[in-house]
N, C-alpha and C. Protein backbone atom coordinates (compact mmCIF):
# COMPACT_ATOMS: atom_id res chain seq x y z
N MET A 1 -94.55 -31.31 -25.46
CA MET A 1 -94.48 -31.33 -26.72
C MET A 1 -92.96 -32.15 -27.81
N SER A 2 -92.68 -32.46 -27.96
CA SER A 2 -91.21 -33.25 -28.63
C SER A 2 -90.64 -32.32 -29.50
N GLU A 3 -89.54 -32.35 -29.54
CA GLU A 3 -89.13 -31.22 -30.56
C GLU A 3 -89.10 -31.66 -32.25
N ALA A 4 -89.52 -32.46 -32.43
CA ALA A 4 -89.67 -33.01 -34.13
C ALA A 4 -90.98 -32.14 -34.11
N GLY A 5 -92.22 -31.70 -32.90
CA GLY A 5 -93.32 -31.49 -33.16
C GLY A 5 -93.34 -29.77 -33.02
N LEU A 6 -92.23 -29.32 -32.96
CA LEU A 6 -92.28 -27.93 -33.60
C LEU A 6 -90.96 -27.48 -34.39
N SER A 7 -91.63 -27.10 -35.14
CA SER A 7 -90.56 -26.66 -36.17
C SER A 7 -89.80 -25.26 -36.07
N PHE A 8 -88.86 -24.73 -36.63
CA PHE A 8 -88.20 -23.51 -36.60
C PHE A 8 -89.34 -22.40 -36.81
N THR A 9 -89.79 -22.89 -38.42
CA THR A 9 -90.70 -22.12 -39.22
C THR A 9 -91.81 -21.58 -38.11
N ALA A 10 -92.34 -22.89 -37.68
CA ALA A 10 -93.34 -22.57 -36.74
C ALA A 10 -93.26 -21.62 -35.51
N PHE A 11 -91.72 -21.61 -35.18
CA PHE A 11 -91.48 -20.87 -33.75
C PHE A 11 -91.81 -19.44 -34.23
N VAL A 12 -90.48 -19.43 -35.60
CA VAL A 12 -90.99 -17.88 -35.65
C VAL A 12 -91.99 -17.26 -36.09
N LEU A 13 -92.73 -17.93 -36.52
CA LEU A 13 -94.03 -17.41 -36.81
C LEU A 13 -94.83 -17.44 -35.53
N SER A 14 -94.98 -18.32 -34.47
CA SER A 14 -95.74 -18.11 -33.70
C SER A 14 -94.95 -16.63 -32.78
N LEU A 15 -93.99 -16.46 -32.72
CA LEU A 15 -93.36 -15.08 -32.13
C LEU A 15 -93.63 -14.15 -33.07
N ALA A 16 -94.08 -13.85 -34.42
CA ALA A 16 -94.55 -12.85 -35.38
C ALA A 16 -95.94 -12.62 -35.14
N SER A 17 -97.01 -13.94 -34.86
CA SER A 17 -98.41 -13.50 -34.19
C SER A 17 -98.47 -13.00 -32.95
N THR A 18 -97.59 -13.02 -31.76
CA THR A 18 -97.35 -12.31 -31.03
C THR A 18 -96.96 -11.23 -30.91
N ALA A 19 -96.41 -10.58 -32.34
CA ALA A 19 -95.96 -9.38 -32.46
C ALA A 19 -97.56 -8.66 -32.72
N ALA A 20 -98.19 -9.44 -33.46
CA ALA A 20 -99.11 -9.04 -34.97
C ALA A 20 -100.43 -8.76 -33.56
N ILE A 21 -100.38 -9.37 -32.33
CA ILE A 21 -101.23 -9.26 -31.04
C ILE A 21 -101.10 -8.00 -30.57
N HIS A 22 -99.80 -7.57 -30.17
CA HIS A 22 -99.28 -6.50 -29.69
C HIS A 22 -99.95 -5.25 -30.62
N PHE A 23 -99.66 -5.20 -32.00
CA PHE A 23 -99.76 -4.50 -32.62
C PHE A 23 -101.31 -3.97 -32.70
N GLY A 24 -102.24 -5.03 -32.02
CA GLY A 24 -103.75 -5.16 -32.48
C GLY A 24 -104.02 -5.55 -33.61
N ASP A 25 -103.41 -6.15 -34.82
CA ASP A 25 -103.78 -6.77 -35.86
C ASP A 25 -104.55 -7.83 -35.56
N LEU A 26 -103.93 -8.85 -35.07
CA LEU A 26 -104.78 -10.28 -34.80
C LEU A 26 -105.53 -10.35 -33.42
N ALA A 27 -106.44 -10.79 -33.49
CA ALA A 27 -107.01 -11.19 -32.24
C ALA A 27 -106.25 -11.94 -31.01
N ASP A 28 -106.25 -11.65 -29.77
CA ASP A 28 -105.62 -12.73 -28.84
C ASP A 28 -106.21 -13.84 -29.08
N PRO A 29 -105.75 -15.12 -29.04
CA PRO A 29 -106.25 -16.61 -29.01
C PRO A 29 -107.19 -16.49 -27.63
N VAL A 30 -107.06 -16.33 -26.71
CA VAL A 30 -107.33 -16.60 -25.38
C VAL A 30 -108.54 -15.66 -25.17
N SER A 31 -108.95 -14.63 -25.40
CA SER A 31 -109.97 -13.54 -25.30
C SER A 31 -110.38 -13.73 -26.40
N GLY A 32 -110.15 -13.74 -27.82
CA GLY A 32 -110.83 -13.43 -29.23
C GLY A 32 -110.88 -11.61 -29.14
N GLU A 33 -110.56 -11.17 -28.51
CA GLU A 33 -110.68 -9.85 -28.49
C GLU A 33 -109.31 -9.14 -29.10
N ARG A 34 -109.08 -7.71 -30.04
CA ARG A 34 -107.85 -7.40 -30.29
C ARG A 34 -107.88 -6.27 -29.21
N ALA A 35 -106.13 -6.42 -28.65
CA ALA A 35 -105.93 -5.92 -27.84
C ALA A 35 -105.63 -4.33 -28.42
N PRO A 36 -105.54 -3.50 -27.27
CA PRO A 36 -104.93 -2.01 -27.67
C PRO A 36 -103.57 -2.19 -28.19
N LEU A 37 -103.07 -1.46 -29.07
CA LEU A 37 -101.92 -1.15 -29.25
C LEU A 37 -100.88 -1.12 -28.38
N ASN A 38 -99.76 -2.05 -28.59
CA ASN A 38 -98.78 -2.05 -27.41
C ASN A 38 -97.11 -2.05 -28.25
N LEU A 39 -96.70 -1.16 -28.41
CA LEU A 39 -95.35 -1.09 -29.10
C LEU A 39 -94.47 -1.44 -28.44
N GLU A 40 -94.42 -1.40 -26.90
CA GLU A 40 -93.48 -1.85 -25.90
C GLU A 40 -93.10 -3.68 -26.30
N GLY A 41 -94.24 -4.40 -25.86
CA GLY A 41 -94.63 -5.61 -26.53
C GLY A 41 -94.13 -6.13 -27.85
N ALA A 42 -94.64 -5.16 -28.99
CA ALA A 42 -94.39 -5.53 -30.59
C ALA A 42 -92.89 -5.34 -30.48
N ALA A 43 -92.17 -4.25 -29.78
CA ALA A 43 -90.70 -3.80 -30.07
C ALA A 43 -89.95 -5.59 -29.33
N GLN A 44 -90.69 -5.74 -28.28
CA GLN A 44 -89.77 -6.93 -27.42
C GLN A 44 -89.78 -8.33 -28.26
N MET A 45 -90.96 -8.71 -29.19
CA MET A 45 -90.58 -10.00 -30.03
C MET A 45 -90.10 -9.31 -31.32
N ILE A 46 -90.01 -8.14 -31.80
CA ILE A 46 -88.75 -8.11 -32.76
C ILE A 46 -87.66 -8.15 -32.19
N ASP A 47 -87.18 -7.39 -31.59
CA ASP A 47 -85.86 -8.09 -30.32
C ASP A 47 -85.25 -9.37 -30.41
N ILE A 48 -86.49 -10.50 -29.83
CA ILE A 48 -86.24 -11.40 -29.67
C ILE A 48 -86.22 -12.18 -31.05
N LEU A 49 -86.92 -11.90 -32.29
CA LEU A 49 -86.32 -12.42 -33.66
C LEU A 49 -84.98 -12.04 -34.01
N ALA A 50 -84.82 -10.56 -33.78
CA ALA A 50 -83.23 -10.31 -34.34
C ALA A 50 -82.37 -10.99 -33.51
N LEU A 51 -82.55 -11.22 -32.28
CA LEU A 51 -81.70 -12.06 -31.73
C LEU A 51 -81.81 -13.34 -32.45
N LEU A 52 -82.67 -13.71 -32.44
CA LEU A 52 -82.47 -15.57 -33.11
C LEU A 52 -81.79 -15.74 -34.39
N GLU A 53 -82.24 -14.34 -35.15
CA GLU A 53 -81.38 -14.15 -36.61
C GLU A 53 -80.01 -14.13 -36.50
N GLN A 54 -79.61 -13.28 -35.66
CA GLN A 54 -78.07 -13.11 -35.15
C GLN A 54 -77.72 -14.44 -34.48
N LYS A 55 -78.30 -15.22 -33.40
CA LYS A 55 -77.96 -16.28 -32.99
C LYS A 55 -77.85 -17.95 -34.01
N THR A 56 -78.89 -17.79 -35.16
CA THR A 56 -78.67 -18.68 -35.58
C THR A 56 -78.03 -18.83 -37.10
N ARG A 57 -77.20 -17.61 -37.41
CA ARG A 57 -76.67 -17.17 -38.69
C ARG A 57 -75.57 -18.44 -38.89
N GLY A 58 -76.21 -18.42 -40.00
CA GLY A 58 -75.21 -20.06 -40.51
C GLY A 58 -75.61 -20.99 -39.99
N ASN A 59 -76.43 -20.99 -39.30
CA ASN A 59 -76.97 -22.59 -38.92
C ASN A 59 -78.78 -23.28 -39.60
N LEU A 60 -79.05 -22.01 -40.66
CA LEU A 60 -80.31 -22.01 -41.09
C LEU A 60 -80.27 -22.48 -42.53
N THR A 61 -81.31 -23.20 -42.70
CA THR A 61 -81.49 -23.62 -44.42
C THR A 61 -81.77 -22.17 -45.24
N GLY A 62 -81.75 -22.05 -46.43
CA GLY A 62 -81.77 -21.10 -47.50
C GLY A 62 -83.44 -20.31 -47.00
N GLU A 63 -84.41 -21.74 -46.97
CA GLU A 63 -85.56 -21.28 -46.96
C GLU A 63 -85.91 -20.87 -45.84
N GLU A 64 -85.48 -21.09 -44.57
CA GLU A 64 -85.41 -21.01 -42.92
C GLU A 64 -84.89 -18.86 -42.80
N ARG A 65 -83.50 -19.44 -43.47
CA ARG A 65 -83.25 -17.59 -43.28
C ARG A 65 -83.83 -16.65 -44.00
N SER A 66 -84.67 -17.27 -45.37
CA SER A 66 -86.00 -16.22 -46.04
C SER A 66 -86.72 -15.89 -45.11
N MET A 67 -87.33 -16.91 -44.92
CA MET A 67 -88.30 -16.63 -43.85
C MET A 67 -87.92 -15.83 -42.75
N LEU A 68 -87.37 -16.15 -42.01
CA LEU A 68 -86.83 -15.29 -40.90
C LEU A 68 -86.73 -13.38 -41.47
N ASP A 69 -85.63 -13.12 -42.17
CA ASP A 69 -85.72 -11.93 -42.56
C ASP A 69 -86.80 -11.41 -43.23
N GLN A 70 -87.45 -12.00 -43.99
CA GLN A 70 -88.88 -11.48 -44.52
C GLN A 70 -89.74 -11.13 -43.26
N VAL A 71 -90.12 -11.89 -42.24
CA VAL A 71 -91.06 -11.71 -41.05
C VAL A 71 -90.19 -10.50 -40.66
N LEU A 72 -88.91 -10.22 -40.22
CA LEU A 72 -88.40 -9.29 -39.68
C LEU A 72 -88.21 -8.05 -40.62
N TYR A 73 -88.28 -8.40 -41.67
CA TYR A 73 -88.53 -6.81 -42.63
C TYR A 73 -89.95 -6.53 -42.28
N GLU A 74 -90.74 -7.24 -42.47
CA GLU A 74 -92.34 -6.80 -42.17
C GLU A 74 -92.83 -6.46 -40.98
N LEU A 75 -92.07 -6.97 -39.99
CA LEU A 75 -92.48 -6.37 -38.33
C LEU A 75 -92.02 -5.30 -38.38
N ARG A 76 -90.67 -5.04 -38.46
CA ARG A 76 -89.87 -3.66 -38.60
C ARG A 76 -90.81 -2.45 -39.32
N LEU A 77 -91.31 -2.93 -40.59
CA LEU A 77 -91.92 -1.73 -41.17
C LEU A 77 -93.33 -1.84 -40.23
N ARG A 78 -94.09 -2.78 -40.05
CA ARG A 78 -94.98 -2.13 -39.50
C ARG A 78 -94.96 -1.56 -37.66
N PHE A 79 -93.77 -2.02 -37.23
CA PHE A 79 -93.53 -1.11 -36.42
C PHE A 79 -93.45 0.54 -36.33
N VAL A 80 -92.61 1.08 -37.63
CA VAL A 80 -92.32 2.03 -38.17
C VAL A 80 -93.89 2.80 -37.97
N GLN A 81 -94.54 1.87 -39.11
CA GLN A 81 -96.35 2.45 -39.01
C GLN A 81 -97.23 2.68 -38.24
N ALA A 82 -96.69 1.75 -37.12
CA ALA A 82 -97.44 1.85 -35.60
C ALA A 82 -96.92 2.96 -35.04
N SER A 83 -95.65 3.10 -35.14
CA SER A 83 -95.18 4.32 -34.30
C SER A 83 -95.17 5.49 -34.70
N GLY A 84 -95.51 5.55 -35.59
CA GLY A 84 -95.82 7.11 -36.47
C GLY A 84 -94.69 7.75 -36.94
N ALA A 85 -94.07 7.04 -36.71
CA ALA A 85 -92.64 7.74 -37.47
C ALA A 85 -92.28 7.88 -38.86
N GLU A 86 -93.47 7.51 -39.59
CA GLU A 86 -93.59 8.11 -40.97
C GLU A 86 -94.16 9.22 -41.19
N LYS A 87 -95.28 9.57 -39.99
CA LYS A 87 -95.74 11.30 -40.66
C LYS A 87 -95.16 11.98 -39.94
N ARG A 88 -94.44 11.86 -39.16
CA ARG A 88 -93.41 12.71 -38.06
C ARG A 88 -92.29 12.95 -39.43
N ILE A 89 -91.45 12.38 -40.10
CA ILE A 89 -90.89 12.52 -41.21
C ILE A 89 -91.61 13.40 -42.23
N ILE A 90 -92.66 12.66 -42.87
CA ILE A 90 -93.47 13.30 -44.00
C ILE A 90 -93.89 15.04 -43.29
N GLU A 91 -94.38 14.90 -42.13
CA GLU A 91 -95.16 16.31 -41.43
C GLU A 91 -94.31 16.57 -40.64
N PRO A 92 -93.02 17.33 -40.64
CA PRO A 92 -92.40 17.56 -39.67
C PRO A 92 -92.94 18.87 -38.80
């Protein structure tokens, strides 16, 4: 695939989709089944996106930056929910 065939937005959304598969929120595109929760895999995708955010700082359009920030925010929030951290905070 040529460089023009994959946009930055498509790349970020691909990584976010992989995280959603690890959360069990999306079906695996190969098997068609939802995988069990894999927090380690989801965390790795979030870390990759955070690294991408750090390394591309100052080189993105406003729209790309906003989209990446929103994706990271939503995935981090989902991670907290999936890990049960909210429950531990509310119910010590």
